Amino acid sequence: MLCKGITSPITDICAQISKETDDYHEMDNYSDLLQKSIGSILQKEGEKELMSLFNSGGTAMLSNAIKGIEDFKLVSFLIVK
């Protein structure tokens, strides 16, 4: 919803982030936040799978479930400032 109707980058913020990250080469801070977000998703999915053991009709646990950050591919990113 933050991006609805926005069709181009906000250049002054892009310039600020470019400066902060050495032209997007030092993205460790943002990478850490991304990794934490994925970890949170995986934790919630694990909790749902565990709870499904106690539901009638079987489990939702999948043998090919997402195991970690390596199962994701970053195609775009949005930095909210």
PDB file of N, CA and C in Angstrom:
ATOM      1  N   MET A   1       0.815  -1.192   0.000  1.00  0.00           N
ATOM      2  CA  MET A   1       0.000   0.000   0.000  1.00  0.00           C
ATOM      3  C   MET A   1       0.865   1.264   0.000  1.00  0.00           C
ATOM      4  N   LEU A   2       2.072   1.154   0.573  1.00  0.00           N
ATOM      5  CA  LEU A   2       2.942   2.325   0.602  1.00  0.00           C
ATOM      6  C   LEU A   2       3.312   2.804  -0.796  1.00  0.00           C
ATOM      7  N   CYS A   3       3.335   1.889  -1.753  1.00  0.00           N
ATOM      8  CA  CYS A   3       3.798   2.213  -3.103  1.00  0.00           C
ATOM      9  C   CYS A   3       2.666   2.430  -4.101  1.00  0.00           C
ATOM     10  N   LYS A   4       1.447   2.278  -3.655  1.00  0.00           N
ATOM     11  CA  LYS A   4       0.323   2.397  -4.582  1.00  0.00           C
ATOM     12  C   LYS A   4       0.340   3.773  -5.256  1.00  0.00           C
ATOM     13  N   GLY A   5       0.321   3.757  -6.560  1.00  0.00           N
ATOM     14  CA  GLY A   5       0.326   4.988  -7.341  1.00  0.00           C
ATOM     15  C   GLY A   5       1.709   5.571  -7.589  1.00  0.00           C
ATOM     16  N   ILE A   6       2.731   5.026  -6.968  1.00  0.00           N
ATOM     17  CA  ILE A   6       4.102   5.505  -7.187  1.00  0.00           C
ATOM     18  C   ILE A   6       4.685   4.722  -8.352  1.00  0.00           C
ATOM     19  N   THR A   7       5.076   5.412  -9.394  1.00  0.00           N
ATOM     20  CA  THR A   7       5.553   4.728 -10.596  1.00  0.00           C
ATOM     21  C   THR A   7       7.048   4.903 -10.842  1.00  0.00           C
ATOM     22  N   SER A   8       7.694   5.735 -10.036  1.00  0.00           N
ATOM     23  CA  SER A   8       9.128   5.930 -10.218  1.00  0.00           C
ATOM     24  C   SER A   8       9.790   6.125  -8.855  1.00  0.00           C
ATOM     25  N   PRO A   9      11.093   5.865  -8.787  1.00  0.00           N
ATOM     26  CA  PRO A   9      11.805   6.024  -7.507  1.00  0.00           C
ATOM     27  C   PRO A   9      11.781   7.483  -7.038  1.00  0.00           C
ATOM     28  N   ILE A  10      11.858   7.676  -5.742  1.00  0.00           N
ATOM     29  CA  ILE A  10      11.969   9.013  -5.160  1.00  0.00           C
ATOM     30  C   ILE A  10      13.465   9.326  -5.132  1.00  0.00           C
ATOM     31  N   THR A  11      13.895  10.122  -6.088  1.00  0.00           N
ATOM     32  CA  THR A  11      15.320  10.286  -6.364  1.00  0.00           C
ATOM     33  C   THR A  11      16.120  10.861  -5.196  1.00  0.00           C
ATOM     34  N   ASP A  12      15.545  11.775  -4.427  1.00  0.00           N
ATOM     35  CA  ASP A  12      16.327  12.345  -3.317  1.00  0.00           C
ATOM     36  C   ASP A  12      16.579  11.296  -2.235  1.00  0.00           C
ATOM     37  N   ILE A  13      15.621  10.415  -1.990  1.00  0.00           N
ATOM     38  CA  ILE A  13      15.825   9.340  -1.010  1.00  0.00           C
ATOM     39  C   ILE A  13      16.797   8.303  -1.569  1.00  0.00           C
ATOM     40  N   CYS A  14      16.693   8.010  -2.858  1.00  0.00           N
ATOM     41  CA  CYS A  14      17.642   7.074  -3.481  1.00  0.00           C
ATOM     42  C   CYS A  14      19.062   7.608  -3.369  1.00  0.00           C
ATOM     43  N   ALA A  15      19.247   8.894  -3.573  1.00  0.00           N
ATOM     44  CA  ALA A  15      20.579   9.501  -3.454  1.00  0.00           C
ATOM     45  C   ALA A  15      21.090   9.394  -2.019  1.00  0.00           C
ATOM     46  N   GLN A  16      20.210   9.612  -1.046  1.00  0.00           N
ATOM     47  CA  GLN A  16      20.595   9.509   0.359  1.00  0.00           C
ATOM     48  C   GLN A  16      21.027   8.082   0.702  1.00  0.00           C
ATOM     49  N   ILE A  17      20.254   7.098   0.263  1.00  0.00           N
ATOM     50  CA  ILE A  17      20.591   5.701   0.539  1.00  0.00           C
ATOM     51  C   ILE A  17      21.854   5.299  -0.206  1.00  0.00           C
ATOM     52  N   SER A  18      22.011   5.784  -1.423  1.00  0.00           N
ATOM     53  CA  SER A  18      23.230   5.508  -2.185  1.00  0.00           C
ATOM     54  C   SER A  18      24.458   6.023  -1.442  1.00  0.00           C
ATOM     55  N   LYS A  19      24.350   7.213  -0.883  1.00  0.00           N
ATOM     56  CA  LYS A  19      25.463   7.790  -0.119  1.00  0.00           C
ATOM     57  C   LYS A  19      25.718   6.981   1.150  1.00  0.00           C
ATOM     58  N   GLU A  20      24.639   6.605   1.870  1.00  0.00           N
ATOM     59  CA  GLU A  20      24.774   5.840   3.117  1.00  0.00           C
ATOM     60  C   GLU A  20      25.388   4.465   2.898  1.00  0.00           C
ATOM     61  N   THR A  21      25.165   3.887   1.717  1.00  0.00           N
ATOM     62  CA  THR A  21      25.579   2.509   1.457  1.00  0.00           C
ATOM     63  C   THR A  21      26.726   2.396   0.457  1.00  0.00           C
ATOM     64  N   ASP A  22      27.446   3.471   0.237  1.00  0.00           N
ATOM     65  CA  ASP A  22      28.549   3.476  -0.729  1.00  0.00           C
ATOM     66  C   ASP A  22      28.079   2.954  -2.081  1.00  0.00           C
ATOM     67  N   ASP A  23      27.102   3.657  -2.611  1.00  0.00           N
ATOM     68  CA  ASP A  23      26.510   3.317  -3.917  1.00  0.00           C
ATOM     69  C   ASP A  23      25.960   1.882  -3.935  1.00  0.00           C
ATOM     70  N   TYR A  24      25.265   1.525  -2.857  1.00  0.00           N
ATOM     71  CA  TYR A  24      24.576   0.233  -2.684  1.00  0.00           C
ATOM     72  C   TYR A  24      25.529  -0.955  -2.524  1.00  0.00           C
ATOM     73  N   HIS A  25      26.794  -0.698  -2.228  1.00  0.00           N
ATOM     74  CA  HIS A  25      27.745  -1.791  -2.018  1.00  0.00           C
ATOM     75  C   HIS A  25      27.770  -2.274  -0.573  1.00  0.00           C
ATOM     76  N   GLU A  26      27.438  -1.414   0.363  1.00  0.00           N
ATOM     77  CA  GLU A  26      27.442  -1.758   1.782  1.00  0.00           C
ATOM     78  C   GLU A  26      25.999  -1.891   2.272  1.00  0.00           C
ATOM     79  N   MET A  27      25.378  -2.999   1.941  1.00  0.00           N
ATOM     80  CA  MET A  27      23.967  -3.214   2.251  1.00  0.00           C
ATOM     81  C   MET A  27      23.766  -4.132   3.457  1.00  0.00           C
ATOM     82  N   ASP A  28      24.811  -4.288   4.292  1.00  0.00           N
ATOM     83  CA  ASP A  28      24.744  -5.219   5.417  1.00  0.00           C
ATOM     84  C   ASP A  28      23.559  -4.938   6.334  1.00  0.00           C
ATOM     85  N   ASN A  29      23.325  -3.676   6.658  1.00  0.00           N
ATOM     86  CA  ASN A  29      22.223  -3.331   7.543  1.00  0.00           C
ATOM     87  C   ASN A  29      20.888  -3.799   6.964  1.00  0.00           C
ATOM     88  N   TYR A  30      20.680  -3.536   5.686  1.00  0.00           N
ATOM     89  CA  TYR A  30      19.431  -3.929   5.035  1.00  0.00           C
ATOM     90  C   TYR A  30      19.358  -5.442   4.839  1.00  0.00           C
ATOM     91  N   SER A  31      20.490  -6.069   4.575  1.00  0.00           N
ATOM     92  CA  SER A  31      20.523  -7.529   4.452  1.00  0.00           C
ATOM     93  C   SER A  31      20.164  -8.194   5.776  1.00  0.00           C
ATOM     94  N   ASP A  32      20.667  -7.631   6.887  1.00  0.00           N
ATOM     95  CA  ASP A  32      20.325  -8.167   8.206  1.00  0.00           C
ATOM     96  C   ASP A  32      18.827  -8.060   8.469  1.00  0.00           C
ATOM     97  N   LEU A  33      18.239  -6.923   8.112  1.00  0.00           N
ATOM     98  CA  LEU A  33      16.792  -6.754   8.295  1.00  0.00           C
ATOM     99  C   LEU A  33      16.010  -7.747   7.443  1.00  0.00           C
ATOM    100  N   LEU A  34      16.463  -7.974   6.222  1.00  0.00           N
ATOM    101  CA  LEU A  34      15.814  -8.941   5.348  1.00  0.00           C
ATOM    102  C   LEU A  34      15.904 -10.342   5.939  1.00  0.00           C
ATOM    103  N   GLN A  35      17.078 -10.701   6.442  1.00  0.00           N
ATOM    104  CA  GLN A  35      17.262 -12.022   7.035  1.00  0.00           C
ATOM    105  C   GLN A  35      16.360 -12.194   8.262  1.00  0.00           C
ATOM    106  N   LYS A  36      16.234 -11.157   9.077  1.00  0.00           N
ATOM    107  CA  LYS A  36      15.340 -11.222  10.241  1.00  0.00           C
ATOM    108  C   LYS A  36      13.889 -11.393   9.808  1.00  0.00           C
ATOM    109  N   SER A  37      13.500 -10.717   8.746  1.00  0.00           N
ATOM    110  CA  SER A  37      12.131 -10.832   8.240  1.00  0.00           C
ATOM    111  C   SER A  37      11.848 -12.248   7.762  1.00  0.00           C
ATOM    112  N   ILE A  38      12.773 -12.819   7.024  1.00  0.00           N
ATOM    113  CA  ILE A  38      12.609 -14.187   6.533  1.00  0.00           C
ATOM    114  C   ILE A  38      12.583 -15.158   7.709  1.00  0.00           C
ATOM    115  N   GLY A  39      13.437 -14.923   8.711  1.00  0.00           N
ATOM    116  CA  GLY A  39      13.434 -15.761   9.907  1.00  0.00           C
ATOM    117  C   GLY A  39      12.087 -15.729  10.608  1.00  0.00           C
ATOM    118  N   SER A  40      11.488 -14.558  10.676  1.00  0.00           N
ATOM    119  CA  SER A  40      10.171 -14.415  11.300  1.00  0.00           C
ATOM    120  C   SER A  40       9.109 -15.186  10.518  1.00  0.00           C
ATOM    121  N   ILE A  41       9.176 -15.110   9.204  1.00  0.00           N
ATOM    122  CA  ILE A  41       8.235 -15.855   8.356  1.00  0.00           C
ATOM    123  C   ILE A  41       8.395 -17.350   8.590  1.00  0.00           C
ATOM    124  N   LEU A  42       9.643 -17.812   8.604  1.00  0.00           N
ATOM    125  CA  LEU A  42       9.902 -19.237   8.803  1.00  0.00           C
ATOM    126  C   LEU A  42       9.434 -19.701  10.178  1.00  0.00           C
ATOM    127  N   GLN A  43       9.617 -18.867  11.190  1.00  0.00           N
ATOM    128  CA  GLN A  43       9.173 -19.224  12.540  1.00  0.00           C
ATOM    129  C   GLN A  43       7.656 -19.364  12.579  1.00  0.00           C
ATOM    130  N   LYS A  44       6.943 -18.433  11.973  1.00  0.00           N
ATOM    131  CA  LYS A  44       5.476 -18.495  11.956  1.00  0.00           C
ATOM    132  C   LYS A  44       5.003 -19.729  11.194  1.00  0.00           C
ATOM    133  N   GLU A  45       5.638 -20.035  10.071  1.00  0.00           N
ATOM    134  CA  GLU A  45       5.257 -21.220   9.300  1.00  0.00           C
ATOM    135  C   GLU A  45       5.516 -22.488  10.105  1.00  0.00           C
ATOM    136  N   GLY A  46       6.637 -22.531  10.818  1.00  0.00           N
ATOM    137  CA  GLY A  46       6.955 -23.683  11.656  1.00  0.00           C
ATOM    138  C   GLY A  46       5.928 -23.868  12.764  1.00  0.00           C
ATOM    139  N   GLU A  47       5.497 -22.756  13.358  1.00  0.00           N
ATOM    140  CA  GLU A  47       4.477 -22.825  14.410  1.00  0.00           C
ATOM    141  C   GLU A  47       3.164 -23.360  13.854  1.00  0.00           C
ATOM    142  N   LYS A  48       2.787 -22.904  12.646  1.00  0.00           N
ATOM    143  CA  LYS A  48       1.544 -23.388  12.029  1.00  0.00           C
ATOM    144  C   LYS A  48       1.630 -24.885  11.740  1.00  0.00           C
ATOM    145  N   GLU A  49       2.792 -25.331  11.242  1.00  0.00           N
ATOM    146  CA  GLU A  49       2.963 -26.745  10.946  1.00  0.00           C
ATOM    147  C   GLU A  49       2.905 -27.579  12.211  1.00  0.00           C
ATOM    148  N   LEU A  50       3.521 -27.102  13.277  1.00  0.00           N
ATOM    149  CA  LEU A  50       3.494 -27.818  14.546  1.00  0.00           C
ATOM    150  C   LEU A  50       2.069 -27.913  15.090  1.00  0.00           C
ATOM    151  N   MET A  51       1.334 -26.830  15.018  1.00  0.00           N
ATOM    152  CA  MET A  51      -0.048 -26.828  15.515  1.00  0.00           C
ATOM    153  C   MET A  51      -0.939 -27.747  14.684  1.00  0.00           C
ATOM    154  N   SER A  52      -0.598 -27.940  13.413  1.00  0.00           N
ATOM    155  CA  SER A  52      -1.416 -28.799  12.558  1.00  0.00           C
ATOM    156  C   SER A  52      -1.341 -30.254  12.989  1.00  0.00           C
ATOM    157  N   LEU A  53      -0.319 -30.608  13.764  1.00  0.00           N
ATOM    158  CA  LEU A  53      -0.222 -31.977  14.273  1.00  0.00           C
ATOM    159  C   LEU A  53      -1.394 -32.314  15.191  1.00  0.00           C
ATOM    160  N   PHE A  54      -1.959 -31.280  15.799  1.00  0.00           N
ATOM    161  CA  PHE A  54      -3.019 -31.482  16.767  1.00  0.00           C
ATOM    162  C   PHE A  54      -4.416 -31.292  16.172  1.00  0.00           C
ATOM    163  N   ASN A  55      -4.498 -31.042  14.889  1.00  0.00           N
ATOM    164  CA  ASN A  55      -5.786 -30.879  14.212  1.00  0.00           C
ATOM    165  C   ASN A  55      -6.225 -32.200  13.609  1.00  0.00           C
ATOM    166  N   SER A  56      -7.518 -32.406  13.579  1.00  0.00           N
ATOM    167  CA  SER A  56      -8.009 -33.605  12.900  1.00  0.00           C
ATOM    168  C   SER A  56      -7.769 -33.460  11.406  1.00  0.00           C
ATOM    169  N   GLY A  57      -7.528 -34.551  10.750  1.00  0.00           N
ATOM    170  CA  GLY A  57      -7.289 -34.509   9.309  1.00  0.00           C
ATOM    171  C   GLY A  57      -5.820 -34.529   8.941  1.00  0.00           C
ATOM    172  N   GLY A  58      -4.948 -34.624   9.918  1.00  0.00           N
ATOM    173  CA  GLY A  58      -3.529 -34.775   9.601  1.00  0.00           C
ATOM    174  C   GLY A  58      -2.743 -33.493   9.743  1.00  0.00           C
ATOM    175  N   THR A  59      -1.559 -33.547   9.231  1.00  0.00           N
ATOM    176  CA  THR A  59      -0.613 -32.443   9.385  1.00  0.00           C
ATOM    177  C   THR A  59      -0.463 -31.654   8.092  1.00  0.00           C
ATOM    178  N   ALA A  60      -0.040 -30.420   8.239  1.00  0.00           N
ATOM    179  CA  ALA A  60       0.249 -29.566   7.077  1.00  0.00           C
ATOM    180  C   ALA A  60       1.734 -29.557   6.777  1.00  0.00           C
ATOM    181  N   MET A  61       2.500 -30.362   7.503  1.00  0.00           N
ATOM    182  CA  MET A  61       3.953 -30.361   7.310  1.00  0.00           C
ATOM    183  C   MET A  61       4.284 -30.911   5.919  1.00  0.00           C
ATOM    184  N   LEU A  62       5.124 -30.200   5.237  1.00  0.00           N
ATOM    185  CA  LEU A  62       5.492 -30.571   3.878  1.00  0.00           C
ATOM    186  C   LEU A  62       6.946 -30.997   3.828  1.00  0.00           C
ATOM    187  N   SER A  63       7.230 -32.013   3.051  1.00  0.00           N
ATOM    188  CA  SER A  63       8.617 -32.474   2.939  1.00  0.00           C
ATOM    189  C   SER A  63       9.482 -31.481   2.171  1.00  0.00           C
ATOM    190  N   ASN A  64       8.860 -30.665   1.333  1.00  0.00           N
ATOM    191  CA  ASN A  64       9.628 -29.684   0.556  1.00  0.00           C
ATOM    192  C   ASN A  64       9.381 -28.260   1.071  1.00  0.00           C
ATOM    193  N   ALA A  65       9.168 -28.116   2.358  1.00  0.00           N
ATOM    194  CA  ALA A  65       8.908 -26.810   2.952  1.00  0.00           C
ATOM    195  C   ALA A  65      10.149 -25.918   2.858  1.00  0.00           C
ATOM    196  N   ILE A  66       9.940 -24.643   3.020  1.00  0.00           N
ATOM    197  CA  ILE A  66      11.026 -23.676   3.014  1.00  0.00           C
ATOM    198  C   ILE A  66      11.893 -23.922   4.236  1.00  0.00           C
ATOM    199  N   LYS A  67      13.187 -24.025   4.006  1.00  0.00           N
ATOM    200  CA  LYS A  67      14.107 -24.375   5.093  1.00  0.00           C
ATOM    201  C   LYS A  67      14.946 -23.193   5.577  1.00  0.00           C
ATOM    202  N   GLY A  68      15.159 -22.220   4.729  1.00  0.00           N
ATOM    203  CA  GLY A  68      15.995 -21.099   5.137  1.00  0.00           C
ATOM    204  C   GLY A  68      16.066 -20.018   4.080  1.00  0.00           C
ATOM    205  N   ILE A  69      16.936 -19.040   4.328  1.00  0.00           N
ATOM    206  CA  ILE A  69      17.052 -17.883   3.437  1.00  0.00           C
ATOM    207  C   ILE A  69      17.479 -18.292   2.026  1.00  0.00           C
ATOM    208  N   GLU A  70      18.191 -19.414   1.915  1.00  0.00           N
ATOM    209  CA  GLU A  70      18.646 -19.861   0.592  1.00  0.00           C
ATOM    210  C   GLU A  70      17.492 -20.305  -0.307  1.00  0.00           C
ATOM    211  N   ASP A  71      16.301 -20.490   0.264  1.00  0.00           N
ATOM    212  CA  ASP A  71      15.130 -20.868  -0.525  1.00  0.00           C
ATOM    213  C   ASP A  71      14.416 -19.653  -1.118  1.00  0.00           C
ATOM    214  N   PHE A  72      14.931 -18.461  -0.869  1.00  0.00           N
ATOM    215  CA  PHE A  72      14.339 -17.239  -1.383  1.00  0.00           C
ATOM    216  C   PHE A  72      15.257 -16.624  -2.425  1.00  0.00           C
ATOM    217  N   LYS A  73      14.652 -15.896  -3.357  1.00  0.00           N
ATOM    218  CA  LYS A  73      15.428 -15.168  -4.359  1.00  0.00           C
ATOM    219  C   LYS A  73      14.956 -13.716  -4.321  1.00  0.00           C
ATOM    220  N   LEU A  74      15.872 -12.810  -4.073  1.00  0.00           N
ATOM    221  CA  LEU A  74      15.550 -11.397  -4.014  1.00  0.00           C
ATOM    222  C   LEU A  74      15.487 -10.842  -5.439  1.00  0.00           C
ATOM    223  N   VAL A  75      14.334 -10.362  -5.820  1.00  0.00           N
ATOM    224  CA  VAL A  75      14.180  -9.798  -7.163  1.00  0.00           C
ATOM    225  C   VAL A  75      13.993  -8.282  -7.124  1.00  0.00           C
ATOM    226  N   SER A  76      13.651  -7.789  -5.952  1.00  0.00           N
ATOM    227  CA  SER A  76      13.448  -6.357  -5.789  1.00  0.00           C
ATOM    228  C   SER A  76      13.459  -6.053  -4.293  1.00  0.00           C
ATOM    229  N   PHE A  77      13.675  -4.824  -3.956  1.00  0.00           N
ATOM    230  CA  PHE A  77      13.589  -4.461  -2.562  1.00  0.00           C
ATOM    231  C   PHE A  77      12.958  -3.095  -2.401  1.00  0.00           C
ATOM    232  N   LEU A  78      12.368  -2.887  -1.245  1.00  0.00           N
ATOM    233  CA  LEU A  78      11.733  -1.627  -0.906  1.00  0.00           C
ATOM    234  C   LEU A  78      12.272  -1.208   0.445  1.00  0.00           C
ATOM    235  N   ILE A  79      12.855  -0.045   0.519  1.00  0.00           N
ATOM    236  CA  ILE A  79      13.356   0.473   1.783  1.00  0.00           C
ATOM    237  C   ILE A  79      12.390   1.554   2.231  1.00  0.00           C
ATOM    238  N   VAL A  80      11.837   1.374   3.425  1.00  0.00           N
ATOM    239  CA  VAL A  80      10.899   2.336   3.980  1.00  0.00           C
ATOM    240  C   VAL A  80      11.666   3.209   4.958  1.00  0.00           C
ATOM    241  N   LYS A  81      11.710   4.471   4.706  1.00  0.00           N
ATOM    242  CA  LYS A  81      12.439   5.423   5.575  1.00  0.00           C
ATOM    243  C   LYS A  81      11.447   6.340   6.241  1.00  0.00           C
TER     244      LYS A  81
END
